[in-house]
Amino acid sequence: MAGVTSTWTEPSDTPLTLLLLGKGTDPASERGVDCPGDLPAPSDPDLVARATAAKAALGDRVFVLGHHYQRDEVIQFADVTGDSFKLAQQAAARPDAEFIVFCGVHFMAESADILTKPEQKVILPDLAAGCSMADMAVLGQVETAWEHFQDLGITDQIVPVTYMNSSADIKGFVGRNKGVVCTSSNAKRALTWSFEQGSKVFFLPDQHLGRNTAVLEMGFDLDDCVLYDPHKPQGGLTDEQLINARMILWRGHCSVHGRFTLDSVREVRERVPGVNVLVHPECRHDVVRAADFVGSTEYIIKALDAAPAGSAWAVGTELNLVRRLALAHPDKQIMFLDRTVCYCSTMNRIDLPHLVWTLEELVAGRVPNVITVDEKTAHEARVALDQMLALP
């Protein structure tokens, strides 16, 4: 790979690599995998030139957002890069842009649609770019759980909190039930506020962020947390467990961060003496406890920017970002915490052919893959988002 420094070692391929790179197909996908037009071939040598020309032709009419986990071939065309909420805010800050092309995943584009003006069109280059974590919390299942809590007479004690990585439907549920959205950066502040409003929190959809924040940052015991499994009767919990719990965690997780194990941490410490282990709080509880540093995507980027030359870092987050950081800091030894490939498979479905197709469709006067949140859901979700922005 051209430009790779000697400090970067590419993780090994696995039989799942093609799927993880977004080159496989899943006809059973909730949103489908086909575009309504013909995609350029990935081998087309003119893809970069075509994307450059189409973006130039659109000018200020288009604003391209690139999530940190996107491929480099896509990131090069982003007007701004960042995490999901930062990008949605950036979209809202460009009210004159007619088209917001969101190179991320479905829930992120929904958030951008909620925060932007009605006449702006938010576009997702591939409708199959979903989020496995967000899809683990389906509105019907969440409402069933809430009805169970009502039957137990505890809903007046519960404040629902949803991670930004959730669908607009779930954010709407939280908004109409007087809850709040959180990010991995402000989860502690969101939980602190929530426990000032009630004695329990119903945390959606990432169990690990909820548990790690409550136990490691707020001093809760693991016994204060129970795990609600929507696929089991009454969540697999007794009434007594729900009544006594302080944190009711939804059984959801990130498919990427959930891959990192305690063995991964032990192996890298044995292999690289003095290595700093830096992980995202979506990782499992035992991994986070074993790490040296824990923080959001933005925290990880800033930590590596500030790290001294010659230091060694094993990073537990998405591979595209880790590789990009390693190449940006050749004076530091930055490695992936896992020894095998670990991309965000749905994020990687947005590749250069999809971006070229999207931009050229816009140039031709056709607007593909518009993401629209209905007015009622958008209003309720905005209530929860605004509550997050108002956190002390």
Protein backbone atom coordinates (compact mmCIF):
# COMPACT_ATOMS: atom_id res chain seq x y z
CA MET A 1 0.00 0.00 0.00
CA ALA A 2 1.65 3.19 -1.19
CA GLY A 3 2.51 5.71 1.48
CA VAL A 4 2.26 3.30 4.40
CA THR A 5 5.00 3.95 6.95
CA SER A 6 7.07 1.20 8.47
CA THR A 7 5.25 1.61 11.82
CA TRP A 8 1.88 0.48 10.44
CA THR A 9 1.09 -3.20 10.12
CA GLU A 10 -2.09 -4.04 8.24
CA PRO A 11 -4.35 -6.48 10.16
CA SER A 12 -4.79 -9.90 8.59
CA ASP A 13 -7.62 -10.64 6.18
CA THR A 14 -10.40 -12.97 7.24
CA PRO A 15 -13.07 -14.79 5.22
CA LEU A 16 -15.41 -11.90 6.11
CA THR A 17 -13.21 -9.22 4.59
CA LEU A 18 -15.28 -8.69 1.44
CA LEU A 19 -18.45 -8.27 3.47
CA LEU A 20 -16.71 -5.95 5.91
CA LEU A 21 -15.52 -3.89 2.97
CA GLY A 22 -19.11 -3.54 1.83
CA LYS A 23 -18.63 -5.67 -1.29
CA GLY A 24 -20.97 -8.43 -0.22
CA THR A 25 -24.73 -8.24 -0.51
CA ASP A 26 -27.55 -8.90 1.89
CA PRO A 27 -30.89 -9.17 0.05
CA ALA A 28 -32.68 -9.51 3.39
CA SER A 29 -31.43 -6.10 4.54
CA GLU A 30 -34.17 -3.94 6.01
CA ARG A 31 -33.38 -1.12 3.60
CA GLY A 32 -32.15 -3.13 0.62
CA VAL A 33 -28.84 -2.96 -1.17
CA ASP A 34 -29.62 -1.81 -4.70
CA CYS A 35 -29.39 1.69 -6.11
CA PRO A 36 -32.00 2.79 -8.67
CA GLY A 37 -29.27 3.46 -11.24
CA ASP A 38 -26.09 1.90 -12.55
CA LEU A 39 -23.03 2.38 -10.38
CA PRO A 40 -19.67 3.06 -12.00
CA ALA A 41 -17.31 0.12 -11.90
CA PRO A 42 -14.86 0.23 -8.96
CA SER A 43 -12.10 -0.36 -11.51
CA ASP A 44 -12.97 2.80 -13.46
CA PRO A 45 -9.70 4.78 -13.54
CA ASP A 46 -11.62 8.04 -13.90
CA LEU A 47 -13.59 7.84 -10.65
CA VAL A 48 -11.57 10.52 -8.86
CA ALA A 49 -11.79 12.84 -11.86
CA ARG A 50 -15.52 12.22 -12.20
CA ALA A 51 -16.18 12.95 -8.52
CA THR A 52 -14.04 16.09 -8.71
CA ALA A 53 -15.87 17.33 -11.81
CA ALA A 54 -19.34 16.61 -10.45
CA LYS A 55 -18.62 18.26 -7.11
CA ALA A 56 -17.20 21.32 -8.90
CA ALA A 57 -20.28 21.51 -11.15
CA LEU A 58 -22.56 21.53 -8.11
CA GLY A 59 -20.48 24.13 -6.27
CA ASP A 60 -22.08 25.54 -3.13
CA ARG A 61 -25.31 23.67 -3.84
CA VAL A 62 -23.77 20.53 -2.29
CA PHE A 63 -22.13 19.98 1.09
CA VAL A 64 -20.40 16.63 1.62
CA LEU A 65 -20.04 15.21 5.14
CA GLY A 66 -17.55 12.44 5.89
CA HIS A 67 -17.66 10.38 9.07
CA HIS A 68 -14.31 9.44 10.63
CA TYR A 69 -14.91 5.75 9.81
CA GLN A 70 -15.27 6.34 6.08
CA ARG A 71 -12.77 5.10 3.53
CA ASP A 72 -9.98 7.48 2.48
CA GLU A 73 -11.25 7.42 -1.11
CA VAL A 74 -14.48 9.03 0.15
CA ILE A 75 -12.99 11.25 2.87
CA GLN A 76 -10.91 13.11 0.28
CA PHE A 77 -14.12 14.65 -1.08
CA ALA A 78 -15.63 15.60 2.29
CA ASP A 79 -16.07 19.30 3.04
CA VAL A 80 -15.92 18.45 6.74
CA THR A 81 -15.12 15.31 8.74
CA GLY A 82 -16.22 14.37 12.23
CA ASP A 83 -18.38 12.16 14.40
CA SER A 84 -22.11 11.77 13.85
CA PHE A 85 -23.45 14.67 15.91
CA LYS A 86 -20.73 17.10 14.86
CA LEU A 87 -21.56 16.36 11.22
CA ALA A 88 -25.29 16.88 11.77
CA GLN A 89 -24.50 20.22 13.41
CA GLN A 90 -22.25 21.15 10.49
CA ALA A 91 -25.11 20.37 8.11
CA ALA A 92 -27.43 22.63 10.09
CA ALA A 93 -24.79 25.37 9.90
CA ARG A 94 -24.98 25.33 6.08
CA PRO A 95 -28.58 26.50 5.47
CA ASP A 96 -27.75 27.62 1.92
CA ALA A 97 -26.62 24.16 0.79
CA GLU A 98 -29.38 22.60 -1.29
CA PHE A 99 -28.01 19.07 -0.94
CA ILE A 100 -26.36 17.48 2.11
CA VAL A 101 -24.53 14.32 1.00
CA PHE A 102 -23.93 12.37 4.20
CA CYS A 103 -21.15 9.79 3.89
CA GLY A 104 -22.02 7.97 7.08
CA VAL A 105 -24.89 5.69 8.05
CA HIS A 106 -28.68 5.92 8.14
CA PHE A 107 -29.27 7.24 11.67
CA MET A 108 -26.71 10.00 11.06
CA ALA A 109 -28.52 11.17 7.95
CA GLU A 110 -31.78 11.16 9.94
CA SER A 111 -30.22 13.44 12.56
CA ALA A 112 -29.05 15.79 9.80
CA ASP A 113 -32.56 15.87 8.34
CA ILE A 114 -34.01 16.70 11.76
CA LEU A 115 -31.59 19.61 12.26
CA THR A 116 -31.61 21.09 8.73
CA LYS A 117 -34.19 23.25 6.98
CA PRO A 118 -37.19 21.51 5.33
CA GLU A 119 -36.14 22.57 1.83
CA GLN A 120 -32.69 20.99 2.18
CA LYS A 121 -32.29 17.42 0.95
CA VAL A 122 -30.18 14.99 2.99
CA ILE A 123 -28.83 12.18 0.83
CA LEU A 124 -27.27 8.86 1.81
CA PRO A 125 -25.19 7.50 -1.09
CA ASP A 126 -26.11 3.89 -0.25
CA LEU A 127 -29.38 3.09 1.53
CA ALA A 128 -27.84 -0.14 2.85
CA ALA A 129 -25.46 1.92 4.99
CA GLY A 130 -27.24 1.25 8.25
CA CYS A 131 -25.97 0.69 11.77
CA SER A 132 -26.25 -2.68 13.45
CA MET A 133 -26.38 -1.06 16.88
CA ALA A 134 -29.18 1.33 15.93
CA ASP A 135 -31.10 -1.52 14.34
CA MET A 136 -30.95 -3.50 17.61
CA ALA A 137 -33.49 -1.11 19.15
CA VAL A 138 -36.76 -1.29 17.20
CA LEU A 139 -39.51 1.10 18.27
CA GLY A 140 -42.13 -1.62 18.74
CA GLN A 141 -39.82 -3.57 21.05
CA VAL A 142 -38.96 -0.47 23.06
CA GLU A 143 -42.63 0.46 23.45
CA THR A 144 -43.38 -3.09 24.62
CA ALA A 145 -40.68 -2.74 27.28
CA TRP A 146 -42.08 0.63 28.36
CA GLU A 147 -45.58 -0.86 28.68
CA HIS A 148 -44.09 -3.52 30.94
CA PHE A 149 -42.50 -0.80 33.07
CA GLN A 150 -45.89 0.96 33.22
CA ASP A 151 -47.53 -2.24 34.45
CA LEU A 152 -44.93 -2.37 37.22
CA GLY A 153 -45.67 1.26 38.13
CA ILE A 154 -42.09 2.45 37.68
CA THR A 155 -42.24 4.70 34.59
CA ASP A 156 -42.59 7.81 36.74
CA GLN A 157 -39.15 6.96 38.16
CA ILE A 158 -37.47 6.23 34.80
CA VAL A 159 -35.75 8.71 32.51
CA PRO A 160 -35.07 7.25 29.04
CA VAL A 161 -31.66 8.07 27.57
CA THR A 162 -30.66 7.14 24.04
CA TYR A 163 -27.24 7.21 22.50
CA MET A 164 -26.87 9.30 19.37
CA ASN A 165 -26.38 5.99 17.52
CA SER A 166 -30.10 5.29 17.39
CA SER A 167 -32.91 5.74 14.91
CA ALA A 168 -35.08 8.85 14.73
CA ASP A 169 -37.98 6.70 16.00
CA ILE A 170 -36.07 5.90 19.19
CA LYS A 171 -34.99 9.52 19.67
CA GLY A 172 -38.66 10.48 19.24
CA PHE A 173 -39.70 7.94 21.89
CA VAL A 174 -37.16 9.42 24.29
CA GLY A 175 -38.27 12.96 23.54
CA ARG A 176 -41.95 12.32 24.20
CA ASN A 177 -41.07 10.54 27.45
CA LYS A 178 -39.02 13.48 28.77
CA GLY A 179 -35.61 11.93 28.21
CA VAL A 180 -32.39 12.99 26.55
CA VAL A 181 -29.98 12.00 23.79
CA CYS A 182 -26.30 11.57 24.63
CA THR A 183 -23.02 11.14 22.79
CA SER A 184 -20.00 9.16 23.95
CA SER A 185 -18.47 12.48 24.99
CA ASN A 186 -21.31 13.71 27.19
CA ALA A 187 -22.82 10.44 28.45
CA LYS A 188 -21.81 11.20 32.06
CA ARG A 189 -23.44 14.63 31.93
CA ALA A 190 -26.59 13.12 30.40
CA LEU A 191 -26.80 10.45 33.11
CA THR A 192 -26.10 12.95 35.88
CA TRP A 193 -28.98 15.12 34.63
CA SER A 194 -31.23 12.07 34.28
CA PHE A 195 -30.66 10.93 37.85
CA GLU A 196 -31.61 14.42 39.00
CA GLN A 197 -34.97 13.89 37.27
CA GLY A 198 -35.63 10.31 38.41
CA SER A 199 -34.18 7.32 40.23
CA LYS A 200 -33.73 5.04 37.20
CA VAL A 201 -32.42 5.29 33.65
CA PHE A 202 -33.55 3.24 30.66
CA PHE A 203 -30.46 3.35 28.42
CA LEU A 204 -30.71 2.67 24.67
CA PRO A 205 -29.34 1.03 22.57
CA ASP A 206 -25.69 0.44 23.57
CA GLN A 207 -25.37 -1.55 26.77
CA HIS A 208 -21.59 -1.03 26.94
CA LEU A 209 -21.60 2.78 26.87
CA GLY A 210 -24.34 2.82 29.50
CA ARG A 211 -22.61 0.32 31.78
CA ASN A 212 -19.13 1.82 31.36
CA THR A 213 -20.36 5.33 32.09
CA ALA A 214 -22.43 4.35 35.13
CA VAL A 215 -19.82 2.07 36.72
CA LEU A 216 -16.50 3.62 35.75
CA GLU A 217 -17.44 7.30 35.73
CA MET A 218 -20.31 7.57 38.22
CA GLY A 219 -19.35 4.97 40.82
CA PHE A 220 -22.29 2.60 40.35
CA ASP A 221 -21.93 -1.12 41.03
CA LEU A 222 -22.40 -3.68 38.28
CA ASP A 223 -25.32 -4.99 40.35
CA ASP A 224 -27.06 -1.64 39.82
CA CYS A 225 -27.33 -2.49 36.13
CA VAL A 226 -29.64 -5.03 34.52
CA LEU A 227 -29.72 -6.08 30.87
CA TYR A 228 -33.08 -6.00 29.09
CA ASP A 229 -33.20 -8.50 26.21
CA PRO A 230 -36.11 -7.68 23.86
CA HIS A 231 -36.05 -11.22 22.49
CA LYS A 232 -36.95 -12.74 25.86
CA PRO A 233 -40.27 -12.55 27.73
CA GLN A 234 -40.25 -9.47 29.99
CA GLY A 235 -36.70 -8.80 28.82
CA GLY A 236 -35.43 -11.91 30.60
CA LEU A 237 -35.74 -10.09 33.93
CA THR A 238 -37.87 -10.55 37.01
CA ASP A 239 -40.13 -7.79 38.27
CA GLU A 240 -37.91 -7.51 41.34
CA GLN A 241 -34.81 -6.96 39.19
CA LEU A 242 -36.50 -4.16 37.25
CA ILE A 243 -37.88 -2.52 40.38
CA ASN A 244 -34.47 -2.58 42.12
CA ALA A 245 -32.31 -1.62 39.12
CA ARG A 246 -30.86 1.86 38.71
CA MET A 247 -29.71 1.30 35.11
CA ILE A 248 -31.89 -0.72 32.75
CA LEU A 249 -29.60 -1.38 29.78
CA TRP A 250 -30.93 -2.36 26.37
CA ARG A 251 -29.25 -5.43 24.89
CA GLY A 252 -27.49 -3.65 22.02
CA HIS A 253 -23.87 -3.17 21.06
CA CYS A 254 -21.53 -1.98 18.31
CA SER A 255 -20.49 -4.83 16.05
CA VAL A 256 -17.03 -3.29 15.58
CA HIS A 257 -16.18 -2.30 19.14
CA GLY A 258 -17.70 -5.49 20.51
CA ARG A 259 -15.03 -7.51 18.70
CA PHE A 260 -12.21 -6.30 20.94
CA THR A 261 -11.53 -8.70 23.80
CA LEU A 262 -9.49 -8.87 26.98
CA ASP A 263 -7.22 -11.32 25.16
CA SER A 264 -6.56 -8.60 22.55
CA VAL A 265 -5.36 -6.28 25.30
CA ARG A 266 -3.20 -8.92 26.96
CA GLU A 267 -1.66 -9.99 23.65
CA VAL A 268 -0.66 -6.48 22.61
CA ARG A 269 0.86 -5.74 26.02
CA GLU A 270 3.00 -8.87 25.76
CA ARG A 271 4.01 -8.08 22.19
CA VAL A 272 4.71 -4.35 22.64
CA PRO A 273 6.18 -3.48 26.07
CA GLY A 274 5.06 -0.06 27.29
CA VAL A 275 2.19 0.20 24.81
CA ASN A 276 -0.70 2.53 25.65
CA VAL A 277 -4.08 0.90 25.12
CA LEU A 278 -6.67 3.43 23.98
CA VAL A 279 -10.27 2.31 23.41
CA HIS A 280 -13.74 3.65 22.71
CA PRO A 281 -16.37 3.38 25.51
CA GLU A 282 -18.53 1.23 23.22
CA CYS A 283 -16.07 -1.60 23.97
CA ARG A 284 -16.92 -4.33 26.46
CA HIS A 285 -16.64 -3.52 30.15
CA ASP A 286 -13.65 -5.80 30.79
CA VAL A 287 -11.78 -4.30 27.81
CA VAL A 288 -12.44 -0.75 29.00
CA ARG A 289 -11.30 -1.62 32.52
CA ALA A 290 -8.08 -3.09 31.13
CA ALA A 291 -7.31 -0.09 28.89
CA ASP A 292 -5.09 2.85 29.82
CA PHE A 293 -7.26 5.48 28.15
CA VAL A 294 -10.95 5.52 27.18
CA GLY A 295 -12.78 8.10 25.14
CA SER A 296 -14.89 9.12 22.19
CA THR A 297 -13.66 9.23 18.61
CA GLU A 298 -12.72 12.90 18.98
CA TYR A 299 -10.92 12.08 22.24
CA ILE A 300 -8.95 9.33 20.51
CA ILE A 301 -7.89 11.68 17.70
CA LYS A 302 -6.80 14.41 20.12
CA ALA A 303 -4.96 11.94 22.36
CA LEU A 304 -2.88 10.63 19.46
CA ASP A 305 -2.25 14.14 18.14
CA ALA A 306 -0.85 15.11 21.54
CA ALA A 307 1.09 11.89 22.20
CA PRO A 308 4.89 12.20 22.35
CA ALA A 309 7.02 11.03 19.46
CA GLY A 310 8.21 7.46 19.86
CA SER A 311 5.26 6.40 22.00
CA ALA A 312 3.34 3.20 21.18
CA TRP A 313 -0.45 3.00 20.99
CA ALA A 314 -2.87 0.12 20.44
CA VAL A 315 -6.23 1.61 19.46
CA GLY A 316 -9.58 -0.10 19.83
CA THR A 317 -11.87 1.55 17.31
CA GLU A 318 -12.75 1.31 13.62
CA LEU A 319 -9.89 0.31 11.31
CA ASN A 320 -10.19 3.08 8.69
CA LEU A 321 -9.71 5.69 11.40
CA VAL A 322 -6.83 3.86 13.09
CA ARG A 323 -4.98 3.46 9.79
CA ARG A 324 -5.52 7.14 8.95
CA LEU A 325 -4.16 8.20 12.34
CA ALA A 326 -1.15 5.89 11.99
CA LEU A 327 -0.26 7.36 8.62
CA ALA A 328 -0.72 10.89 9.95
CA HIS A 329 1.74 10.24 12.81
CA PRO A 330 4.74 8.33 11.42
CA ASP A 331 6.77 9.38 14.47
CA LYS A 332 4.53 7.26 16.72
CA GLN A 333 3.87 3.54 16.72
CA ILE A 334 0.10 3.31 16.24
CA MET A 335 -1.47 -0.11 15.77
CA PHE A 336 -4.88 -1.71 15.65
CA LEU A 337 -5.85 -3.46 18.88
CA ASP A 338 -7.17 -6.52 17.03
CA ARG A 339 -4.92 -8.66 14.82
CA THR A 340 -7.59 -9.11 12.12
CA VAL A 341 -9.62 -6.81 9.86
CA CYS A 342 -12.42 -4.98 11.67
CA TYR A 343 -14.21 -2.43 9.51
CA CYS A 344 -17.67 -1.04 10.09
CA SER A 345 -19.28 -3.12 7.36
CA THR A 346 -22.28 -0.88 6.71
CA MET A 347 -20.27 2.35 6.80
CA ASN A 348 -17.94 0.83 4.22
CA ARG A 349 -20.80 0.34 1.78
CA ILE A 350 -20.36 3.98 0.85
CA ASP A 351 -17.44 3.83 -1.53
CA LEU A 352 -16.20 6.00 -4.38
CA PRO A 353 -18.57 4.49 -7.00
CA HIS A 354 -21.57 5.30 -4.78
CA LEU A 355 -20.33 8.84 -4.19
CA VAL A 356 -19.67 9.40 -7.90
CA TRP A 357 -23.12 8.06 -8.77
CA THR A 358 -24.75 10.33 -6.18
CA LEU A 359 -22.97 13.49 -7.33
CA GLU A 360 -23.54 12.79 -11.02
CA GLU A 361 -27.23 12.14 -10.37
CA LEU A 362 -27.47 15.56 -8.71
CA VAL A 363 -25.70 17.20 -11.64
CA ALA A 364 -28.26 15.57 -13.95
CA GLY A 365 -31.12 17.03 -11.90
CA ARG A 366 -32.11 13.81 -10.17
CA VAL A 367 -32.06 13.61 -6.36
CA PRO A 368 -31.41 10.05 -5.14
CA ASN A 369 -31.71 8.37 -1.75
CA VAL A 370 -33.28 11.25 0.17
CA ILE A 371 -33.57 10.58 3.91
CA THR A 372 -36.72 12.10 5.39
CA VAL A 373 -37.98 11.94 8.96
CA ASP A 374 -41.71 12.56 9.36
CA GLU A 375 -42.69 15.82 11.04
CA LYS A 376 -44.04 14.33 14.31
CA THR A 377 -41.03 12.07 14.86
CA ALA A 378 -38.65 14.89 13.96
CA HIS A 379 -40.31 17.23 16.48
CA GLU A 380 -40.16 14.66 19.30
CA ALA A 381 -36.58 13.72 18.48
CA ARG A 382 -35.63 17.39 18.41
CA VAL A 383 -36.97 17.73 21.98
CA ALA A 384 -34.52 15.05 23.16
CA LEU A 385 -31.68 16.56 21.13
CA ASP A 386 -32.38 20.04 22.46
CA GLN A 387 -32.37 18.65 26.00
CA MET A 388 -28.89 17.26 25.31
CA LEU A 389 -27.72 20.68 24.09
CA ALA A 390 -29.11 22.23 27.27
CA LEU A 391 -27.20 19.90 29.60
CA PRO A 392 -25.25 21.80 32.27
